[in-house]
Amino acid sequence: MKPKKNIFVTSRAIQGKMYLINKHEAYLLDSVEQFIWENIDGENTIEDIIQKVAKKYNEDPNNIEQDLKEFFESLKEHNLIRY
């Protein structure tokens, strides 16, 4: 699946922290989540992004796959992305 950002979601850096803003709700991203958000472009698949995260943070993709899939599901549940 190739996740795409909801076009109505904006991202803002406030005092060095990255937030996603959707309507009247804001979501704080940590550095890994920010990296994931930056790679959600409608072209990268979830698997592509898992590989990129694993490479950047020197992790085994198998060890982070479930956590990242849960993060994608959370983004979808909050209407921040779609497939």
Protein backbone atom coordinates (compact mmCIF):
# COMPACT_ATOMS: atom_id res chain seq x y z
CA MET A 1 0.00 0.00 0.00
CA LYS A 2 1.09 3.54 -0.76
CA PRO A 3 -0.04 5.92 1.97
CA LYS A 4 -0.95 9.47 1.00
CA LYS A 5 -1.23 12.50 3.24
CA ASN A 6 -4.64 14.00 3.81
CA ILE A 7 -4.46 17.24 1.81
CA PHE A 8 -6.13 19.13 4.66
CA VAL A 9 -3.45 18.20 7.20
CA THR A 10 -0.71 20.73 7.74
CA SER A 11 2.61 20.26 9.45
CA ARG A 12 4.22 22.93 11.58
CA ALA A 13 7.48 23.20 13.46
CA ILE A 14 6.98 25.02 16.75
CA GLN A 15 9.98 25.55 19.00
CA GLY A 16 11.85 22.76 17.24
CA LYS A 17 9.03 20.22 17.52
CA MET A 18 6.97 18.96 14.58
CA TYR A 19 3.17 18.93 14.79
CA LEU A 20 0.50 17.67 12.43
CA ILE A 21 -2.64 19.76 12.50
CA ASN A 22 -6.00 18.46 11.32
CA LYS A 23 -8.99 20.68 11.93
CA HIS A 24 -8.82 21.53 15.64
CA GLU A 25 -6.46 18.75 16.66
CA ALA A 26 -2.67 18.72 16.80
CA TYR A 27 -0.39 15.69 16.97
CA LEU A 28 3.21 15.92 18.19
CA LEU A 29 5.71 13.83 16.21
CA ASP A 30 8.97 12.46 17.55
CA SER A 31 12.00 12.36 15.24
CA VAL A 32 11.22 8.88 13.84
CA GLU A 33 7.58 9.79 13.22
CA GLN A 34 8.68 13.01 11.54
CA PHE A 35 11.00 11.03 9.24
CA ILE A 36 8.10 8.70 8.39
CA TRP A 37 5.78 11.66 7.71
CA GLU A 38 8.36 13.20 5.38
CA ASN A 39 8.45 9.95 3.39
CA ILE A 40 4.69 9.63 2.98
CA ASP A 41 4.37 10.91 -0.57
CA GLY A 42 1.94 8.62 -2.33
CA GLU A 43 4.86 6.92 -4.09
CA ASN A 44 6.61 5.10 -1.24
CA THR A 45 4.90 1.96 0.01
CA ILE A 46 4.73 1.15 3.70
CA GLU A 47 7.42 -1.46 3.06
CA ASP A 48 9.63 1.18 1.37
CA ILE A 49 9.28 3.45 4.37
CA ILE A 50 10.05 0.62 6.80
CA GLN A 51 13.27 -0.04 4.87
CA LYS A 52 14.20 3.67 4.92
CA VAL A 53 13.59 3.91 8.68
CA ALA A 54 15.60 0.73 9.29
CA LYS A 55 18.50 2.08 7.26
CA LYS A 56 18.47 5.56 8.82
CA TYR A 57 18.28 4.27 12.40
CA ASN A 58 20.39 1.13 11.85
CA GLU A 59 17.60 -1.26 12.83
CA ASP A 60 16.51 -4.64 11.55
CA PRO A 61 13.34 -4.06 9.48
CA ASN A 62 11.74 -7.15 11.04
CA ASN A 63 12.15 -5.65 14.51
CA ILE A 64 10.39 -2.38 13.67
CA GLU A 65 7.79 -3.52 11.16
CA GLN A 66 4.93 -4.08 13.63
CA ASP A 67 5.50 -0.76 15.43
CA LEU A 68 5.55 1.14 12.16
CA LYS A 69 2.44 -0.59 10.87
CA GLU A 70 0.67 0.37 14.10
CA PHE A 71 1.81 3.97 13.59
CA PHE A 72 0.41 3.97 10.04
CA GLU A 73 -2.88 2.58 11.36
CA SER A 74 -3.00 5.35 13.96
CA LEU A 75 -2.41 7.97 11.25
CA LYS A 76 -5.25 6.45 9.24
CA GLU A 77 -7.61 6.30 12.24
CA HIS A 78 -7.00 10.02 12.87
CA ASN A 79 -7.67 10.79 9.19
CA LEU A 80 -4.11 12.04 8.64
CA ILE A 81 -3.43 9.62 5.76
CA ARG A 82 -5.31 7.42 3.33
CA TYR A 83 -4.38 4.51 1.06
